[in-house]
N, C-alpha and C. Protein backbone atom coordinates (compact mmCIF):
# COMPACT_ATOMS: atom_id res chain seq x y z
N UNK A 1 7.83 -43.35 12.06
CA UNK A 1 7.44 -41.88 12.63
C UNK A 1 8.38 -41.05 11.28
N UNK A 2 9.57 -41.54 10.55
CA UNK A 2 10.20 -40.92 9.53
C UNK A 2 9.43 -40.32 8.45
N UNK A 3 9.07 -41.62 8.29
CA UNK A 3 7.92 -41.45 7.35
C UNK A 3 7.00 -40.06 7.43
N UNK A 4 6.13 -40.06 8.69
CA UNK A 4 5.09 -38.96 8.68
C UNK A 4 6.05 -37.72 8.64
N UNK A 5 7.26 -37.97 9.26
CA UNK A 5 8.46 -36.40 8.94
C UNK A 5 8.59 -36.09 8.25
N UNK A 6 8.70 -37.14 6.76
CA UNK A 6 8.63 -36.27 5.68
C UNK A 6 7.62 -35.71 4.98
N UNK A 7 6.85 -36.66 5.41
CA UNK A 7 5.58 -35.68 4.74
C UNK A 7 5.12 -34.33 5.46
N UNK A 8 5.37 -34.12 6.68
CA UNK A 8 5.04 -32.81 7.22
C UNK A 8 6.12 -32.23 6.57
N UNK A 9 7.55 -32.20 6.28
CA UNK A 9 8.36 -31.55 5.66
C UNK A 9 7.85 -31.04 4.34
N UNK A 10 7.84 -31.91 3.36
CA UNK A 10 6.49 -31.48 2.45
C UNK A 10 5.60 -31.31 2.16
N UNK A 11 4.97 -30.83 3.30
CA UNK A 11 3.94 -30.20 3.41
C UNK A 11 4.15 -29.06 3.49
N UNK A 12 4.64 -29.02 4.33
CA UNK A 12 5.18 -27.02 4.78
C UNK A 12 5.92 -26.51 3.55
N UNK A 13 6.56 -27.36 2.55
CA UNK A 13 7.31 -26.91 1.43
C UNK A 13 6.16 -26.37 0.42
N UNK A 14 5.55 -27.15 0.58
CA UNK A 14 4.40 -26.95 -0.42
C UNK A 14 3.72 -25.97 -0.12
N UNK A 15 3.29 -25.14 0.97
CA UNK A 15 2.60 -24.22 1.36
C UNK A 15 3.76 -22.70 1.06
N UNK A 16 2.77 -21.76 0.33
CA UNK A 16 3.52 -20.90 0.06
C UNK A 16 3.48 -19.92 1.41
N UNK A 17 4.55 -19.30 1.43
CA UNK A 17 4.60 -18.23 2.29
C UNK A 17 4.01 -16.78 2.25
N UNK A 18 2.86 -16.57 2.64
CA UNK A 18 2.44 -15.47 2.69
C UNK A 18 2.65 -14.12 3.20
N UNK A 19 2.92 -13.16 2.72
CA UNK A 19 3.22 -11.88 3.01
C UNK A 19 2.31 -10.43 2.84
N UNK A 20 1.35 -9.77 3.85
CA UNK A 20 0.86 -9.07 4.03
C UNK A 20 1.69 -7.57 3.69
N UNK A 21 1.19 -7.01 2.91
CA UNK A 21 1.46 -5.58 2.57
C UNK A 21 0.39 -4.69 2.11
N UNK A 22 0.60 -3.43 2.88
CA UNK A 22 -0.81 -2.37 3.21
C UNK A 22 -0.52 -1.73 1.95
N UNK A 23 -1.66 -1.41 1.39
CA UNK A 23 -1.44 0.04 0.50
C UNK A 23 -2.26 1.25 1.19
N UNK A 24 -1.82 2.63 1.59
CA UNK A 24 -2.18 3.06 2.62
C UNK A 24 -2.24 4.66 1.40
N UNK A 25 -2.68 5.76 1.86
CA UNK A 25 -2.43 7.15 1.52
C UNK A 25 -4.00 8.17 2.18
N UNK A 26 -3.88 9.05 1.58
CA UNK A 26 -4.94 9.62 2.01
C UNK A 26 -6.21 9.73 0.70
N UNK A 27 -7.38 10.14 1.45
CA UNK A 27 -7.96 10.28 0.55
C UNK A 27 -8.53 10.36 -0.81
N UNK A 28 -8.67 9.39 -1.57
CA UNK A 28 -9.11 9.71 -3.20
C UNK A 28 -7.15 9.65 -3.99
N UNK A 29 -6.67 8.81 -2.67
CA UNK A 29 -4.84 9.21 -3.70
C UNK A 29 -4.87 7.54 -4.63
N UNK A 30 -5.74 6.80 -4.78
CA UNK A 30 -5.88 5.84 -5.85
C UNK A 30 -5.87 4.35 -5.28
N UNK A 31 -5.95 4.07 -3.42
CA UNK A 31 -5.56 3.04 -3.35
C UNK A 31 -6.73 1.70 -3.89
N UNK A 32 -7.72 2.16 -3.76
CA UNK A 32 -8.77 0.73 -4.60
C UNK A 32 -8.31 0.52 -5.65
N UNK A 33 -8.19 1.50 -6.77
CA UNK A 33 -7.65 1.21 -8.38
C UNK A 33 -6.44 0.78 -8.05
N UNK A 34 -5.43 1.18 -6.90
CA UNK A 34 -3.97 0.15 -6.98
C UNK A 34 -4.44 -1.44 -7.09
N UNK A 35 -5.38 -1.76 -5.61
CA UNK A 35 -5.40 -2.94 -5.10
C UNK A 35 -6.25 -3.94 -6.56
N UNK A 36 -6.89 -2.90 -7.54
CA UNK A 36 -7.85 -3.51 -8.42
C UNK A 36 -7.16 -3.63 -9.66
N UNK A 37 -6.24 -3.39 -9.80
CA UNK A 37 -5.36 -3.26 -10.99
C UNK A 37 -4.15 -4.29 -10.20
N UNK A 38 -3.46 -4.69 -9.61
CA UNK A 38 -2.88 -5.78 -9.74
C UNK A 38 -3.16 -7.20 -8.71
N UNK A 39 -4.27 -6.97 -8.48
CA UNK A 39 -5.13 -8.35 -7.76
C UNK A 39 -5.10 -9.18 -8.55
N UNK A 40 -4.63 -10.56 -8.87
CA UNK A 40 -4.81 -11.88 -9.47
C UNK A 40 -6.50 -12.09 -9.20
N UNK A 41 -6.96 -11.84 -8.24
CA UNK A 41 -8.47 -12.25 -8.10
C UNK A 41 -9.43 -11.32 -8.05
N UNK A 42 -10.40 -11.21 -8.01
CA UNK A 42 -11.57 -10.40 -7.83
C UNK A 42 -11.27 -9.77 -6.61
N UNK A 43 -10.92 -8.40 -6.49
CA UNK A 43 -10.54 -7.30 -5.23
C UNK A 43 -11.98 -7.98 -4.22
N UNK A 44 -11.61 -8.39 -2.98
CA UNK A 44 -13.01 -7.66 -2.05
C UNK A 44 -12.77 -5.74 -1.76
N UNK A 45 -13.86 -5.30 -2.01
CA UNK A 45 -13.82 -3.68 -1.48
C UNK A 45 -15.23 -3.62 -0.72
N UNK A 46 -14.86 -2.43 -0.21
CA UNK A 46 -15.95 -1.90 0.73
C UNK A 46 -16.14 -0.53 0.34
N UNK A 47 -16.69 -0.14 -0.71
CA UNK A 47 -16.63 1.08 -1.23
C UNK A 47 -18.06 1.51 -1.19
N UNK A 48 -18.11 2.46 -0.77
CA UNK A 48 -19.75 3.36 -0.59
C UNK A 48 -19.40 4.41 -1.15
N UNK A 49 -21.04 4.88 -2.02
CA UNK A 49 -21.30 6.15 -2.42
C UNK A 49 -21.02 7.42 -1.50
N UNK A 50 -20.23 8.34 -2.09
CA UNK A 50 -20.48 9.78 -1.33
C UNK A 50 -21.55 10.12 -1.23
N UNK A 51 -21.63 11.32 -0.17
CA UNK A 51 -22.97 11.59 0.08
C UNK A 51 -22.85 13.23 0.37
N UNK A 52 -24.16 14.02 0.32
CA UNK A 52 -23.98 15.32 0.72
C UNK A 52 -24.07 15.38 2.34
N UNK A 53 -24.11 14.38 2.70
CA UNK A 53 -24.41 14.70 4.26
C UNK A 53 -22.13 14.28 4.51
N UNK A 54 -22.08 13.86 3.82
CA UNK A 54 -20.11 13.58 4.27
C UNK A 54 -19.25 14.67 3.59
N UNK A 55 -20.11 15.85 3.00
CA UNK A 55 -18.65 16.57 2.26
C UNK A 55 -18.00 17.38 3.72
N UNK A 56 -18.44 17.76 4.29
CA UNK A 56 -17.66 18.21 5.31
C UNK A 56 -16.33 17.55 5.75
N UNK A 57 -16.55 15.88 5.93
CA UNK A 57 -15.65 15.26 6.29
C UNK A 57 -15.07 15.14 5.31
N UNK A 58 -15.01 14.62 4.31
CA UNK A 58 -14.91 14.41 2.87
C UNK A 58 -14.41 15.49 1.84
N UNK A 59 -13.62 16.33 1.88
CA UNK A 59 -14.14 17.45 1.04
C UNK A 59 -13.07 16.97 -0.42
N UNK A 60 -13.91 17.69 -1.55
CA UNK A 60 -13.39 16.83 -2.68
C UNK A 60 -12.32 17.59 -3.60
N UNK A 61 -11.98 18.81 -3.13
CA UNK A 61 -10.61 19.89 -3.56
C UNK A 61 -10.10 19.32 -4.30
N UNK A 62 -9.79 18.82 -5.57
CA UNK A 62 -8.83 18.29 -6.47
C UNK A 62 -9.39 17.04 -6.49
N UNK A 63 -10.08 16.35 -6.38
CA UNK A 63 -11.05 14.79 -6.57
C UNK A 63 -12.19 15.16 -6.72
N UNK A 64 -12.49 15.91 -7.72
CA UNK A 64 -14.24 16.64 -7.69
C UNK A 64 -14.79 15.55 -8.32
N UNK A 65 -13.96 14.68 -9.17
CA UNK A 65 -14.75 13.59 -9.85
C UNK A 65 -15.26 12.34 -8.80
N UNK A 66 -14.69 12.02 -7.58
CA UNK A 66 -14.48 10.83 -6.89
C UNK A 66 -16.35 10.55 -6.73
N UNK A 67 -16.69 9.62 -6.60
CA UNK A 67 -18.16 9.37 -6.18
C UNK A 67 -18.14 8.08 -5.44
N UNK A 68 -17.02 7.62 -4.82
CA UNK A 68 -17.51 6.67 -3.75
C UNK A 68 -15.57 6.43 -3.15
N UNK A 69 -15.98 5.59 -1.64
CA UNK A 69 -14.79 5.90 -0.72
C UNK A 69 -15.40 4.64 -0.15
N UNK A 70 -13.76 4.12 0.16
CA UNK A 70 -13.84 2.82 1.09
C UNK A 70 -14.00 3.25 2.45
N UNK A 71 -14.36 1.84 3.33
CA UNK A 71 -15.23 2.58 4.55
C UNK A 71 -14.30 1.83 5.82
N UNK A 72 -13.83 0.53 4.61
CA UNK A 72 -13.13 -0.82 5.61
C UNK A 72 -11.75 -1.02 4.97
N UNK A 73 -12.24 -1.69 4.16
CA UNK A 73 -10.81 -2.11 3.53
C UNK A 73 -10.72 -2.82 2.07
N UNK A 74 -9.69 -2.38 1.45
CA UNK A 74 -9.43 -3.38 -0.18
C UNK A 74 -8.48 -4.95 0.07
N UNK A 75 -9.54 -5.95 -0.84
CA UNK A 75 -8.09 -7.05 -0.34
C UNK A 75 -7.68 -7.57 -1.55
N UNK A 76 -6.48 -7.61 -2.03
CA UNK A 76 -6.21 -8.26 -2.94
C UNK A 76 -5.04 -9.54 -3.28
N UNK A 77 -4.65 -9.90 -3.76
CA UNK A 77 -4.00 -11.55 -3.63
C UNK A 77 -2.67 -10.88 -5.07
N UNK A 78 -1.68 -11.77 -4.80
CA UNK A 78 -0.38 -11.38 -6.21
C UNK A 78 0.47 -12.70 -5.68
N UNK A 79 0.85 -13.96 -6.72
CA UNK A 79 1.43 -14.99 -6.43
C UNK A 79 3.03 -14.87 -7.38
N UNK A 80 3.66 -14.15 -6.09
CA UNK A 80 5.17 -13.85 -6.75
C UNK A 80 5.46 -14.98 -7.06
N UNK A 81 6.04 -16.06 -6.38
CA UNK A 81 6.24 -17.26 -7.21
C UNK A 81 5.23 -18.63 -6.33
N UNK A 82 5.92 -20.08 -6.94
CA UNK A 82 5.29 -20.86 -6.08
C UNK A 82 5.56 -21.02 -4.53
N UNK A 83 6.28 -20.27 -4.20
CA UNK A 83 6.61 -20.38 -2.69
C UNK A 83 6.11 -18.34 -1.55
N UNK A 84 5.75 -17.80 -2.31
CA UNK A 84 5.30 -16.70 -2.19
C UNK A 84 4.02 -16.25 -2.28
N UNK A 85 3.13 -15.55 -1.77
CA UNK A 85 2.09 -15.08 -1.96
C UNK A 85 2.15 -13.14 -1.25
N UNK A 86 1.61 -12.52 -2.19
CA UNK A 86 1.47 -11.27 -1.34
C UNK A 86 -0.11 -11.06 -1.16
N UNK A 87 -0.44 -11.10 0.64
CA UNK A 87 -1.50 -10.04 0.25
C UNK A 87 -1.80 -8.66 0.58
N UNK A 88 -2.87 -8.32 0.14
CA UNK A 88 -2.54 -6.74 -0.42
C UNK A 88 -3.94 -6.23 0.55
N UNK A 89 -4.12 -5.04 1.67
CA UNK A 89 -4.31 -4.64 2.62
C UNK A 89 -4.82 -3.42 2.21
N UNK A 90 -5.93 -2.77 1.25
CA UNK A 90 -5.94 -1.31 1.40
C UNK A 90 -6.82 -0.74 2.54
N UNK A 91 -6.34 0.80 3.24
CA UNK A 91 -6.48 1.00 4.33
C UNK A 91 -7.87 2.27 3.36
N UNK A 92 -8.31 2.56 4.44
CA UNK A 92 -9.25 3.92 4.49
C UNK A 92 -8.51 5.02 4.03
N UNK A 93 -9.07 6.32 3.34
CA UNK A 93 -8.08 6.95 3.82
C UNK A 93 -8.58 8.30 4.06
N UNK A 94 -10.18 8.19 5.18
CA UNK A 94 -10.70 9.15 5.61
C UNK A 94 -10.24 9.19 7.60
N UNK A 95 -10.05 10.31 7.79
CA UNK A 95 -9.54 10.24 9.24
C UNK A 95 -10.49 9.14 10.38
N UNK A 96 -11.91 9.30 10.07
CA UNK A 96 -12.77 8.31 10.76
C UNK A 96 -12.40 7.43 11.07
N UNK A 97 -11.54 6.74 9.47
CA UNK A 97 -12.13 5.08 9.80
C UNK A 97 -10.55 4.86 10.06
N UNK A 98 -10.04 5.79 10.34
CA UNK A 98 -8.35 5.14 11.28
C UNK A 98 -8.00 4.06 11.92
N UNK A 99 -8.77 3.98 13.06
CA UNK A 99 -9.24 3.25 14.11
C UNK A 99 -9.06 1.95 13.18
N UNK A 100 -9.41 1.59 11.80
CA UNK A 100 -9.63 0.45 11.40
C UNK A 100 -7.95 0.08 11.55
N UNK A 101 -7.23 0.96 11.03
CA UNK A 101 -5.64 1.33 10.66
C UNK A 101 -4.66 0.03 11.55
N UNK A 102 -4.39 0.09 12.87
CA UNK A 102 -4.25 -0.37 13.72
C UNK A 102 -4.91 -1.92 13.66
N UNK A 103 -5.73 -2.37 13.30
CA UNK A 103 -5.81 -3.73 12.90
C UNK A 103 -5.08 -4.13 11.71
N UNK A 104 -5.16 -3.44 10.83
CA UNK A 104 -5.04 -3.95 9.41
C UNK A 104 -3.54 -4.00 9.33
N UNK A 105 -2.56 -3.16 10.37
CA UNK A 105 -0.91 -2.98 10.06
C UNK A 105 -0.50 -4.04 10.86
N UNK A 106 -1.87 -4.95 11.71
CA UNK A 106 -0.92 -6.26 12.43
C UNK A 106 0.12 -7.27 11.41
N UNK A 107 1.02 -7.69 11.76
CA UNK A 107 1.62 -8.75 10.83
C UNK A 107 2.19 -8.42 9.66
N UNK A 108 1.78 -7.12 9.20
CA UNK A 108 2.21 -6.47 8.14
C UNK A 108 3.92 -6.13 8.00
N UNK A 109 3.70 -6.76 6.79
CA UNK A 109 5.26 -6.99 6.31
C UNK A 109 6.35 -5.61 6.02
N UNK A 110 5.40 -4.65 5.05
CA UNK A 110 5.49 -3.19 4.95
C UNK A 110 4.40 -2.32 4.27
N UNK A 111 4.74 -1.13 3.45
CA UNK A 111 3.29 -0.90 3.08
C UNK A 111 3.85 0.23 1.93
N UNK A 112 2.84 0.20 0.52
CA UNK A 112 3.48 1.44 -0.13
C UNK A 112 2.51 2.23 -0.23
N UNK A 113 2.95 3.64 0.58
CA UNK A 113 2.00 4.96 0.46
C UNK A 113 2.12 5.96 -0.53
N UNK A 114 0.55 5.48 -1.37
CA UNK A 114 0.13 6.03 -1.97
C UNK A 114 -0.05 7.90 -2.03
N UNK A 115 0.66 8.65 -2.79
CA UNK A 115 0.34 10.49 -2.61
C UNK A 115 0.14 10.29 -4.00
N UNK A 116 -0.40 11.48 -3.97
CA UNK A 116 -1.50 12.63 -5.09
C UNK A 116 -0.68 13.77 -4.77
N UNK A 117 0.17 14.61 -5.70
CA UNK A 117 0.76 15.43 -5.87
C UNK A 117 -0.21 16.62 -5.64
N UNK A 118 -1.69 16.66 -6.13
CA UNK A 118 -2.50 17.51 -6.01
C UNK A 118 -3.20 17.99 -4.89
N UNK A 119 -2.54 16.78 -3.73
CA UNK A 119 -2.75 16.71 -2.26
C UNK A 119 -2.23 16.07 -1.51
N UNK A 120 -0.88 16.29 -1.04
CA UNK A 120 0.08 15.80 -1.13
C UNK A 120 0.40 15.69 0.27
N UNK A 121 -0.13 16.59 1.17
CA UNK A 121 -0.10 16.91 2.70
C UNK A 121 -1.07 15.63 3.19
N UNK A 122 -2.14 15.33 2.22
CA UNK A 122 -3.09 14.20 2.55
C UNK A 122 -2.12 12.69 2.62
N UNK A 123 -0.72 12.37 2.60
CA UNK A 123 0.18 11.24 2.65
C UNK A 123 0.82 11.36 3.46
N UNK A 124 0.99 12.62 4.69
CA UNK A 124 1.95 12.77 5.27
C UNK A 124 1.14 12.20 6.35
N UNK A 125 -0.28 12.11 7.24
CA UNK A 125 -0.51 10.88 8.28
C UNK A 125 -0.25 9.86 7.98
N UNK A 126 -0.47 8.98 6.80
CA UNK A 126 0.27 7.96 6.50
C UNK A 126 1.74 7.38 6.60
N UNK A 127 2.72 8.40 6.20
CA UNK A 127 3.72 8.35 6.79
C UNK A 127 4.11 8.00 7.82
N UNK A 128 3.28 9.05 8.85
CA UNK A 128 3.74 9.35 10.16
C UNK A 128 3.25 8.19 10.90
N UNK A 129 2.43 7.60 10.22
CA UNK A 129 1.98 6.33 10.96
C UNK A 129 2.63 5.37 10.85
N UNK A 130 3.27 4.71 9.85
CA UNK A 130 4.45 3.70 9.44
C UNK A 130 5.68 4.27 10.22
N UNK A 131 5.96 5.33 10.39
CA UNK A 131 7.22 5.65 10.79
C UNK A 131 7.29 5.05 12.19
N UNK A 132 6.23 5.76 12.85
CA UNK A 132 6.33 5.58 14.30
C UNK A 132 6.05 4.18 14.56
N UNK A 133 5.45 3.34 13.96
CA UNK A 133 5.44 1.76 14.24
C UNK A 133 6.36 1.16 13.78
N UNK A 134 7.42 1.73 12.84
CA UNK A 134 8.52 1.14 12.10
C UNK A 134 8.28 0.37 11.46
N UNK A 135 7.16 0.23 10.61
CA UNK A 135 6.83 -0.21 9.52
C UNK A 135 7.79 0.18 8.28
N UNK A 136 7.88 -0.78 7.66
CA UNK A 136 9.04 -0.37 5.88
C UNK A 136 7.88 -0.01 4.93
N UNK A 137 8.19 1.46 4.43
CA UNK A 137 6.95 1.81 3.35
C UNK A 137 8.03 1.97 2.10
N UNK A 138 7.62 2.56 1.05
CA UNK A 138 8.22 3.14 -0.12
C UNK A 138 7.01 4.55 -0.13
N UNK A 139 7.14 5.17 -0.93
CA UNK A 139 6.15 6.18 -0.74
C UNK A 139 5.81 6.27 -2.70
N UNK A 140 4.95 5.91 -3.50
CA UNK A 140 4.53 5.69 -4.74
C UNK A 140 3.85 7.18 -4.93
N UNK A 141 4.20 7.91 -6.05
CA UNK A 141 3.84 8.95 -6.55
C UNK A 141 2.65 8.70 -7.23
N UNK A 142 1.21 8.88 -7.56
CA UNK A 142 0.04 8.12 -8.49
C UNK A 142 0.23 9.43 -9.13
N UNK A 143 0.45 9.36 -10.64
CA UNK A 143 0.61 10.60 -11.94
C UNK A 143 -0.62 10.47 -12.33
N UNK A 144 -1.88 11.64 -11.77
CA UNK A 144 -2.84 11.13 -12.44
C UNK A 144 -2.69 12.41 -13.94
N UNK A 145 -3.49 12.14 -14.26
CA UNK A 145 -3.56 12.69 -15.49
C UNK A 145 -4.32 14.35 -15.17
N UNK A 146 -3.43 15.21 -15.82
CA UNK A 146 -3.63 16.61 -15.79
C UNK A 146 -2.60 17.02 -14.40
N UNK A 147 -2.23 16.11 -13.46
CA UNK A 147 -1.55 17.09 -12.36
C UNK A 147 -0.03 16.98 -12.44
N UNK A 148 0.36 18.14 -12.03
CA UNK A 148 2.03 18.59 -12.09
C UNK A 148 2.87 17.71 -11.82
N UNK A 149 3.66 17.31 -12.65
CA UNK A 149 5.11 16.45 -11.97
C UNK A 149 5.89 16.73 -11.85
N UNK A 150 6.60 16.36 -10.65
CA UNK A 150 7.66 16.58 -9.89
C UNK A 150 8.51 15.50 -10.16
N UNK A 151 9.68 15.38 -9.77
CA UNK A 151 10.70 14.47 -9.44
C UNK A 151 10.54 13.54 -8.16
N UNK A 152 11.27 12.69 -7.83
CA UNK A 152 11.07 12.14 -7.00
C UNK A 152 12.13 12.93 -5.51
N UNK A 153 12.84 13.42 -6.03
CA UNK A 153 13.89 13.91 -4.76
C UNK A 153 12.75 15.37 -4.56
N UNK A 154 11.86 15.85 -5.08
CA UNK A 154 11.45 17.31 -4.79
C UNK A 154 9.93 16.60 -4.01
N UNK A 155 9.66 15.60 -4.66
CA UNK A 155 8.50 15.31 -3.63
C UNK A 155 9.36 14.52 -2.12
N UNK A 156 10.24 14.01 -2.00
CA UNK A 156 10.83 13.56 -0.67
C UNK A 156 11.20 14.64 0.21
N UNK A 157 11.69 15.70 -0.77
CA UNK A 157 11.76 16.87 0.08
C UNK A 157 10.38 17.26 0.63
N UNK A 158 9.34 17.50 -0.02
CA UNK A 158 8.09 18.01 0.17
C UNK A 158 7.73 17.06 1.54
N UNK A 159 7.98 15.95 1.39
CA UNK A 159 6.86 14.87 2.37
C UNK A 159 8.10 14.71 3.28
N UNK A 160 9.48 15.16 3.41
CA UNK A 160 10.22 15.36 4.61
C UNK A 160 10.66 14.24 4.69
N UNK A 161 10.69 13.25 3.88
CA UNK A 161 11.64 11.90 3.93
C UNK A 161 12.43 11.88 4.07
N UNK A 162 13.43 11.00 5.14
CA UNK A 162 14.80 10.62 4.94
C UNK A 162 15.33 9.99 3.38
N UNK A 163 16.89 9.92 3.05
CA UNK A 163 17.39 9.11 2.11
C UNK A 163 16.86 7.87 1.43
N UNK A 164 16.43 7.39 3.07
CA UNK A 164 16.57 5.44 3.00
C UNK A 164 15.26 5.04 2.54
N UNK A 165 14.38 6.21 2.38
CA UNK A 165 13.19 6.00 1.88
C UNK A 165 12.87 6.26 0.00
N UNK A 166 12.58 4.85 -0.28
CA UNK A 166 12.70 5.02 -1.82
C UNK A 166 11.02 5.91 -2.32
N UNK A 167 11.40 6.72 -3.20
CA UNK A 167 10.23 7.47 -3.65
C UNK A 167 10.43 7.13 -5.27
N UNK A 168 8.98 6.36 -5.96
CA UNK A 168 8.76 5.82 -6.98
C UNK A 168 7.56 6.51 -7.47
N UNK A 169 7.87 6.62 -8.55
CA UNK A 169 6.57 7.16 -9.78
C UNK A 169 5.81 5.81 -10.26
N UNK A 170 4.31 5.94 -10.33
CA UNK A 170 3.56 5.08 -10.53
C UNK A 170 2.04 5.70 -10.99
N UNK A 171 1.42 4.43 -11.95
CA UNK A 171 0.20 4.70 -12.12
C UNK A 171 -0.96 3.75 -11.76
N UNK A 172 -1.84 4.26 -10.69
CA UNK A 172 -2.47 3.21 -10.13
C UNK A 172 -3.16 2.27 -10.93
N UNK A 173 -3.60 2.83 -11.95
CA UNK A 173 -4.30 2.00 -13.01
C UNK A 173 -3.97 0.96 -13.66
N UNK A 174 -2.36 0.92 -13.97
CA UNK A 174 -1.95 0.48 -15.22
C UNK A 174 -1.08 -1.03 -13.73
N UNK A 175 -1.45 -2.28 -14.33
CA UNK A 175 -1.24 -3.42 -13.76
C UNK A 175 0.60 -3.27 -13.40
N UNK A 176 1.71 -3.04 -14.61
CA UNK A 176 2.52 -3.33 -14.36
C UNK A 176 3.09 -1.70 -13.87
N UNK A 177 2.71 -1.02 -13.72
CA UNK A 177 3.47 0.46 -12.63
C UNK A 177 2.79 0.35 -11.38
N UNK A 178 2.25 -0.97 -10.59
CA UNK A 178 1.30 -0.88 -9.53
C UNK A 178 2.36 -2.13 -9.24
N UNK A 179 2.71 -3.06 -9.91
CA UNK A 179 3.58 -4.34 -9.26
C UNK A 179 5.00 -3.94 -9.10
N UNK A 180 5.61 -2.58 -10.32
CA UNK A 180 6.27 -1.78 -10.21
C UNK A 180 6.91 -1.39 -8.94
N UNK A 181 5.94 -0.84 -8.16
CA UNK A 181 6.01 -0.23 -6.96
C UNK A 181 6.02 -1.45 -5.65
N UNK A 182 5.21 -2.43 -6.05
CA UNK A 182 5.81 -3.51 -4.67
C UNK A 182 6.77 -3.80 -5.06
N UNK A 183 7.29 -4.20 -6.46
CA UNK A 183 8.97 -4.49 -6.25
C UNK A 183 9.87 -3.48 -5.83
N UNK A 184 9.68 -2.30 -5.49
CA UNK A 184 10.70 -1.39 -5.10
C UNK A 184 9.98 -1.58 -3.23
N UNK A 185 9.02 -1.96 -3.53
CA UNK A 185 9.49 -2.20 -1.44
C UNK A 185 9.69 -3.66 -1.31
N UNK A 186 9.56 -4.88 -2.15
CA UNK A 186 10.31 -5.76 -1.98
C UNK A 186 11.61 -5.37 -2.10
N UNK A 187 12.12 -4.74 -2.70
CA UNK A 187 13.74 -4.47 -2.85
C UNK A 187 14.10 -3.77 -1.69
N UNK A 188 13.38 -2.75 -1.36
CA UNK A 188 13.78 -1.95 -0.07
C UNK A 188 13.75 -3.24 1.07
N UNK A 189 12.64 -3.88 1.27
CA UNK A 189 12.88 -4.89 2.39
C UNK A 189 14.11 -5.99 2.41
N UNK A 190 14.55 -6.30 1.36
CA UNK A 190 15.35 -7.28 0.96
C UNK A 190 16.47 -6.75 1.48
N UNK A 191 16.82 -5.14 0.78
CA UNK A 191 17.81 -4.40 1.44
C UNK A 191 17.96 -4.12 2.57
N UNK A 192 16.88 -4.19 3.48
CA UNK A 192 17.09 -3.75 5.11
C UNK A 192 17.49 -5.17 5.87
N UNK A 193 16.95 -6.12 5.02
CA UNK A 193 17.18 -7.46 5.62
C UNK A 193 18.71 -7.78 5.79
N UNK A 194 19.56 -7.07 4.83
CA UNK A 194 20.49 -7.74 4.08
C UNK A 194 21.59 -6.97 5.29
N UNK A 195 20.94 -5.71 6.22
CA UNK A 195 21.87 -4.85 6.62
C UNK A 195 22.11 -5.47 7.82
N UNK A 196 23.45 -4.86 8.75
CA UNK A 196 23.46 -5.65 9.85
C UNK A 196 22.38 -4.54 11.00
N UNK A 197 21.85 -5.26 11.91
CA UNK A 197 20.64 -4.56 12.52
C UNK A 197 19.56 -4.02 11.50
N UNK A 198 19.46 -4.91 10.89
CA UNK A 198 18.19 -5.08 9.65
C UNK A 198 17.03 -5.60 10.62
N UNK A 199 15.64 -5.43 10.26
CA UNK A 199 14.57 -6.32 10.43
C UNK A 199 14.94 -7.48 9.86
N UNK A 200 14.91 -9.06 10.82
CA UNK A 200 14.62 -10.55 10.43
C UNK A 200 14.26 -10.88 9.26
């Protein structure tokens, strides 16, 4: 029996802990691009071509070059080390697909909310969603080419965020920039865990 117990312990130690992270934000904020850039595997994507029929529901003001949209989720994976693997779930940005968010957030450790300063208000519903459910998040300002640049404090004030929510800059196209945003989330989670009364 002792041998079997030792085998069970070794088997559990060999299986990495899986951590679920959401990548959220408004329509066209760069969620699919973010997951694609950081994932070590070919990401699962549920993108469909935009059509004139959806133009009323998916206004392209500020993102006129966008031709596709996520209709369910994006999925990617990052191995942090031998003991930890991040599973990334990108949420759909349009309001009519938000019924999926409740399912996607089940078991999530935290979230990266992407913000596009050209359409900053589009990230507010995601911020509200995670605040109401007590899900830890960071706000990552996706710096699109040609967009105006703002300091993290300016974005924090515009988004109505408290001082405890990290605001970071990122370029969703770049692997290193995306992993930097994820690292900011992990650091934030670790800080909250160390605080008295913080999440377990």
